[in-house]
N, C-alpha and C. Protein backbone atom coordinates (compact mmCIF):
# COMPACT_ATOMS: atom_id res chain seq x y z
N MET A 1 38.77 -47.20 95.38
CA MET A 1 39.85 -46.48 95.05
C MET A 1 40.82 -47.49 94.74
N GLY A 2 40.76 -48.72 94.92
CA GLY A 2 41.75 -49.85 94.80
C GLY A 2 42.11 -50.34 93.40
N ASP A 3 41.18 -49.84 92.76
CA ASP A 3 41.60 -49.76 91.12
C ASP A 3 42.23 -48.57 90.72
N LEU A 4 42.53 -47.57 91.11
CA LEU A 4 43.34 -46.44 90.84
C LEU A 4 44.64 -46.49 90.27
N PRO A 5 45.67 -47.33 91.12
CA PRO A 5 46.79 -47.73 90.57
C PRO A 5 46.86 -48.47 89.12
N LYS A 6 45.88 -49.42 89.28
CA LYS A 6 45.71 -50.02 87.69
C LYS A 6 45.34 -49.08 86.67
N LEU A 7 44.46 -48.05 87.17
CA LEU A 7 43.99 -46.98 86.05
C LEU A 7 45.26 -46.28 85.62
N PHE A 8 45.98 -45.79 86.48
CA PHE A 8 46.88 -44.81 86.40
C PHE A 8 47.95 -45.64 85.50
N GLN A 9 48.20 -47.09 85.86
CA GLN A 9 49.36 -47.92 84.93
C GLN A 9 48.44 -47.92 83.36
N CYS A 10 47.22 -48.10 83.29
CA CYS A 10 46.71 -47.98 81.87
C CYS A 10 47.01 -46.95 81.03
N LEU A 11 46.96 -45.65 82.00
CA LEU A 11 46.96 -44.52 81.08
C LEU A 11 48.33 -44.16 80.96
N ALA A 12 49.31 -44.73 81.71
CA ALA A 12 50.54 -44.58 81.45
C ALA A 12 50.87 -45.18 79.97
N ASP A 13 50.35 -46.73 80.07
CA ASP A 13 50.45 -47.31 79.02
C ASP A 13 49.86 -46.64 77.68
N ALA A 14 48.88 -45.97 77.96
CA ALA A 14 47.85 -45.36 76.85
C ALA A 14 48.91 -43.88 76.16
N GLU A 15 49.44 -43.56 77.35
CA GLU A 15 50.16 -42.32 77.09
C GLU A 15 51.29 -42.61 75.58
N ALA A 16 52.00 -44.19 76.01
CA ALA A 16 52.86 -44.57 75.28
C ALA A 16 52.80 -44.88 73.69
N ALA A 17 51.32 -45.60 73.94
CA ALA A 17 50.52 -46.08 72.70
C ALA A 17 49.99 -45.18 71.91
N PHE A 18 49.21 -44.34 72.53
CA PHE A 18 48.35 -43.28 71.77
C PHE A 18 48.85 -41.94 72.02
N VAL A 19 49.96 -41.54 72.08
CA VAL A 19 50.42 -40.14 72.24
C VAL A 19 50.10 -39.50 71.03
N ASN A 20 49.90 -39.90 69.94
CA ASN A 20 49.36 -38.92 68.73
C ASN A 20 47.87 -39.44 68.27
N ALA A 21 47.21 -40.19 69.32
CA ALA A 21 45.81 -40.79 68.89
C ALA A 21 44.78 -39.36 69.10
N ALA A 22 44.01 -39.45 68.04
CA ALA A 22 43.08 -38.69 67.66
C ALA A 22 41.62 -39.39 68.03
N LEU A 23 41.13 -38.33 68.66
CA LEU A 23 39.32 -38.79 68.70
C LEU A 23 38.59 -38.37 67.59
N THR A 24 38.91 -37.82 66.61
CA THR A 24 38.37 -37.90 65.31
C THR A 24 37.76 -38.95 64.94
N ASP A 25 38.01 -39.99 65.04
CA ASP A 25 36.98 -41.30 64.37
C ASP A 25 36.02 -41.76 65.42
N PRO A 26 35.00 -41.50 64.75
CA PRO A 26 33.97 -41.57 65.77
C PRO A 26 33.38 -43.03 65.94
N ILE A 27 32.75 -43.42 66.99
CA ILE A 27 32.40 -44.99 67.07
C ILE A 27 31.14 -44.85 66.43
N ASN A 28 31.39 -45.52 65.13
CA ASN A 28 29.94 -45.41 64.20
C ASN A 28 29.44 -47.11 63.86
N ASP A 29 29.14 -47.46 65.35
CA ASP A 29 28.54 -48.81 65.47
C ASP A 29 27.04 -48.30 66.22
N LEU A 30 25.88 -48.75 65.10
CA LEU A 30 24.64 -48.48 65.81
C LEU A 30 24.40 -49.46 67.14
N HIS A 31 25.11 -50.66 67.29
CA HIS A 31 24.61 -51.46 67.85
C HIS A 31 25.40 -51.25 69.38
N GLN A 32 26.29 -50.25 69.25
CA GLN A 32 27.31 -49.97 70.47
C GLN A 32 26.56 -49.34 71.60
N LYS A 33 26.35 -49.66 72.80
CA LYS A 33 25.80 -48.78 73.75
C LYS A 33 27.00 -48.20 74.66
N ASP A 34 26.73 -46.82 75.45
CA ASP A 34 27.49 -46.49 76.34
C ASP A 34 27.85 -47.65 77.65
N PRO A 35 29.00 -47.75 77.89
CA PRO A 35 29.44 -48.60 78.77
C PRO A 35 29.08 -48.10 80.18
N GLY A 36 28.53 -48.90 81.06
CA GLY A 36 28.00 -48.48 82.37
C GLY A 36 29.17 -48.43 83.40
N THR A 37 30.18 -49.36 82.94
CA THR A 37 31.27 -49.29 83.87
C THR A 37 32.76 -49.39 83.30
N LEU A 38 33.72 -49.05 84.16
CA LEU A 38 34.87 -48.90 83.46
C LEU A 38 35.37 -50.27 82.93
N GLN A 39 34.97 -51.50 83.74
CA GLN A 39 35.17 -52.75 83.20
C GLN A 39 34.20 -53.21 81.80
N GLU A 40 33.11 -52.48 81.87
CA GLU A 40 32.30 -52.77 80.45
C GLU A 40 33.40 -52.12 79.29
N ALA A 41 33.60 -50.89 79.63
CA ALA A 41 34.68 -50.07 78.28
C ALA A 41 35.74 -51.19 78.13
N LYS A 42 36.45 -51.59 79.34
CA LYS A 42 37.89 -52.62 79.03
C LYS A 42 37.56 -53.79 78.11
N SER A 43 36.31 -54.24 78.21
CA SER A 43 35.67 -55.66 77.52
C SER A 43 35.50 -55.17 76.09
N SER A 44 35.10 -53.94 75.68
CA SER A 44 34.50 -53.46 74.44
C SER A 44 35.76 -53.77 73.45
N ILE A 45 35.35 -53.69 72.33
CA ILE A 45 36.35 -53.58 71.32
C ILE A 45 36.97 -52.13 70.99
N TYR A 46 36.03 -51.25 71.66
CA TYR A 46 36.45 -49.70 71.71
C TYR A 46 37.38 -49.40 72.71
N TRP A 47 37.78 -49.98 73.63
CA TRP A 47 38.56 -50.03 75.03
C TRP A 47 39.67 -48.94 74.16
N THR A 48 40.46 -49.11 73.26
CA THR A 48 41.45 -48.08 72.97
C THR A 48 40.98 -46.55 72.71
N TYR A 49 39.79 -46.51 72.48
CA TYR A 49 38.83 -45.23 72.16
C TYR A 49 38.61 -44.67 73.58
N TRP A 50 37.90 -45.52 74.38
CA TRP A 50 37.80 -45.02 75.73
C TRP A 50 38.94 -44.49 76.61
N LEU A 51 40.25 -45.44 76.48
CA LEU A 51 41.23 -45.35 77.25
C LEU A 51 42.04 -43.78 76.54
N THR A 52 41.94 -43.72 75.31
CA THR A 52 42.45 -42.54 74.65
C THR A 52 41.61 -41.49 75.52
N ALA A 53 40.27 -41.38 75.31
CA ALA A 53 39.68 -40.34 75.78
C ALA A 53 39.76 -40.09 77.32
N ILE A 54 40.03 -41.08 78.08
CA ILE A 54 40.41 -40.77 79.55
C ILE A 54 41.53 -40.29 79.56
N TYR A 55 42.55 -40.72 78.82
CA TYR A 55 44.01 -39.88 78.92
C TYR A 55 43.77 -38.48 78.37
N GLU A 56 43.06 -38.00 77.36
CA GLU A 56 43.11 -36.55 76.94
C GLU A 56 42.34 -35.83 77.76
N GLU A 57 41.03 -36.60 78.49
CA GLU A 57 40.56 -35.64 79.32
C GLU A 57 41.54 -35.42 80.71
N LEU A 58 42.40 -36.42 81.20
CA LEU A 58 43.24 -36.35 82.40
C LEU A 58 44.33 -35.04 81.74
N GLU A 59 44.92 -35.20 80.85
CA GLU A 59 45.74 -34.14 80.36
C GLU A 59 45.32 -33.17 80.27
N SER A 60 44.07 -32.67 79.85
CA SER A 60 43.18 -31.46 79.70
C SER A 60 43.09 -30.69 81.31
N LEU A 61 42.81 -31.51 82.09
CA LEU A 61 42.36 -31.11 83.77
C LEU A 61 43.69 -30.74 84.26
N LYS A 62 44.68 -31.59 83.68
CA LYS A 62 46.31 -31.30 84.37
C LYS A 62 46.54 -29.63 83.82
N ALA A 63 46.29 -29.46 82.59
CA ALA A 63 46.67 -28.35 81.53
C ALA A 63 46.07 -27.22 82.22
N LYS A 64 44.75 -27.33 82.81
CA LYS A 64 43.84 -26.47 83.31
C LYS A 64 44.17 -25.85 85.02
N GLY A 65 45.14 -27.09 85.30
CA GLY A 65 45.59 -26.90 86.75
C GLY A 65 44.77 -27.05 87.85
N VAL A 66 43.47 -28.29 87.42
CA VAL A 66 42.87 -28.52 88.32
C VAL A 66 42.73 -30.15 88.78
N TYR A 67 43.67 -30.43 88.23
CA TYR A 67 44.03 -32.13 88.71
C TYR A 67 45.45 -32.10 88.86
N ASP A 68 46.02 -33.04 89.79
CA ASP A 68 47.29 -33.44 90.02
C ASP A 68 47.39 -34.84 90.45
N GLU A 69 48.12 -35.52 89.83
CA GLU A 69 48.30 -36.96 90.35
C GLU A 69 49.03 -37.19 91.48
N VAL A 70 48.95 -37.55 92.61
CA VAL A 70 49.47 -37.54 93.76
C VAL A 70 49.57 -39.30 94.35
N ASN A 71 50.63 -39.56 94.90
CA ASN A 71 50.92 -41.20 95.15
C ASN A 71 50.40 -41.41 96.76
N LYS A 72 50.61 -40.25 97.64
CA LYS A 72 50.05 -40.50 98.89
C LYS A 72 49.46 -39.10 99.36
N LEU A 73 48.41 -39.29 100.04
CA LEU A 73 47.62 -37.84 100.44
C LEU A 73 48.13 -37.43 101.90
N PRO A 74 48.43 -35.99 101.97
CA PRO A 74 48.90 -35.65 103.06
C PRO A 74 48.04 -35.84 104.32
N PRO A 75 48.41 -36.32 105.77
CA PRO A 75 47.88 -36.57 106.69
C PRO A 75 46.61 -35.62 107.02
N GLY A 76 45.57 -36.40 107.47
CA GLY A 76 44.12 -35.48 107.67
C GLY A 76 43.48 -35.17 106.43
N ARG A 77 43.78 -35.95 104.93
CA ARG A 77 43.15 -35.25 103.91
C ARG A 77 42.66 -36.48 103.05
N LYS A 78 41.32 -36.29 102.93
CA LYS A 78 40.58 -37.53 101.68
C LYS A 78 40.56 -37.12 100.36
N ALA A 79 40.72 -38.61 99.64
CA ALA A 79 40.54 -37.98 98.44
C ALA A 79 39.02 -37.74 97.95
N VAL A 80 39.18 -37.09 96.90
CA VAL A 80 37.63 -36.59 96.43
C VAL A 80 37.34 -37.71 95.62
N LYS A 81 36.29 -38.21 95.53
CA LYS A 81 35.55 -39.75 95.11
C LYS A 81 35.03 -39.15 93.49
N SER A 82 35.52 -40.02 92.72
CA SER A 82 34.96 -39.46 90.97
C SER A 82 34.55 -40.78 90.40
N GLU A 83 34.13 -40.64 89.27
CA GLU A 83 34.13 -41.77 88.51
C GLU A 83 33.74 -41.38 86.82
N TRP A 84 34.09 -42.29 86.35
CA TRP A 84 34.05 -42.41 84.77
C TRP A 84 33.06 -42.64 84.17
N VAL A 85 32.35 -41.42 83.41
CA VAL A 85 31.18 -41.60 82.80
C VAL A 85 31.19 -41.40 81.22
N LEU A 86 31.29 -42.44 80.45
CA LEU A 86 31.89 -42.68 79.09
C LEU A 86 30.39 -42.49 78.16
N HIS A 87 30.26 -42.13 77.17
CA HIS A 87 29.34 -41.39 76.28
C HIS A 87 29.55 -41.35 75.13
N ILE A 88 29.10 -42.14 74.16
CA ILE A 88 29.05 -42.22 72.63
C ILE A 88 28.36 -41.19 72.20
N LYS A 89 28.89 -40.08 71.64
CA LYS A 89 28.31 -38.53 71.24
C LYS A 89 27.48 -39.15 70.03
N GLN A 90 26.26 -38.28 70.05
CA GLN A 90 25.45 -38.44 69.09
C GLN A 90 24.63 -37.28 68.76
N ASN A 91 24.19 -36.87 67.84
CA ASN A 91 23.64 -35.41 67.45
C ASN A 91 21.99 -35.80 67.91
N HIS A 92 21.24 -34.55 67.54
CA HIS A 92 19.85 -34.36 67.81
C HIS A 92 19.26 -35.17 67.41
N ASN A 93 19.56 -36.18 66.02
CA ASN A 93 18.69 -36.95 65.40
C ASN A 93 19.02 -38.64 65.82
N GLY A 94 20.15 -38.66 67.08
CA GLY A 94 20.51 -39.92 67.18
C GLY A 94 21.29 -40.74 66.36
N LEU A 95 22.02 -39.86 65.34
CA LEU A 95 23.04 -40.22 64.70
C LEU A 95 24.68 -39.66 65.47
N PHE A 96 25.52 -40.47 64.81
CA PHE A 96 26.96 -40.38 65.39
C PHE A 96 27.46 -38.89 65.04
N SER A 97 28.06 -38.21 65.81
CA SER A 97 28.68 -36.61 65.42
C SER A 97 29.80 -37.08 65.38
């Protein structure tokens, strides 16, 4: 959970930089593999794609009312643990969709 404030800062930066970004441009690199960790995604040349995807996912969850950002949990409450799973979408033939 220690990296959460850093992630929120990255997301805030992404909002400013990628507010009009679209994920319609696929990652068409046959040699690119799914990152196993957020650090691997950050070191990828595709980090802006991953960051935009994370931002759009969080915005979608907020719009559905199932996610709220909080700075401090109420007494006696625990955060739900989660992790990002970043995946390059491919069709059934293994080609990029």
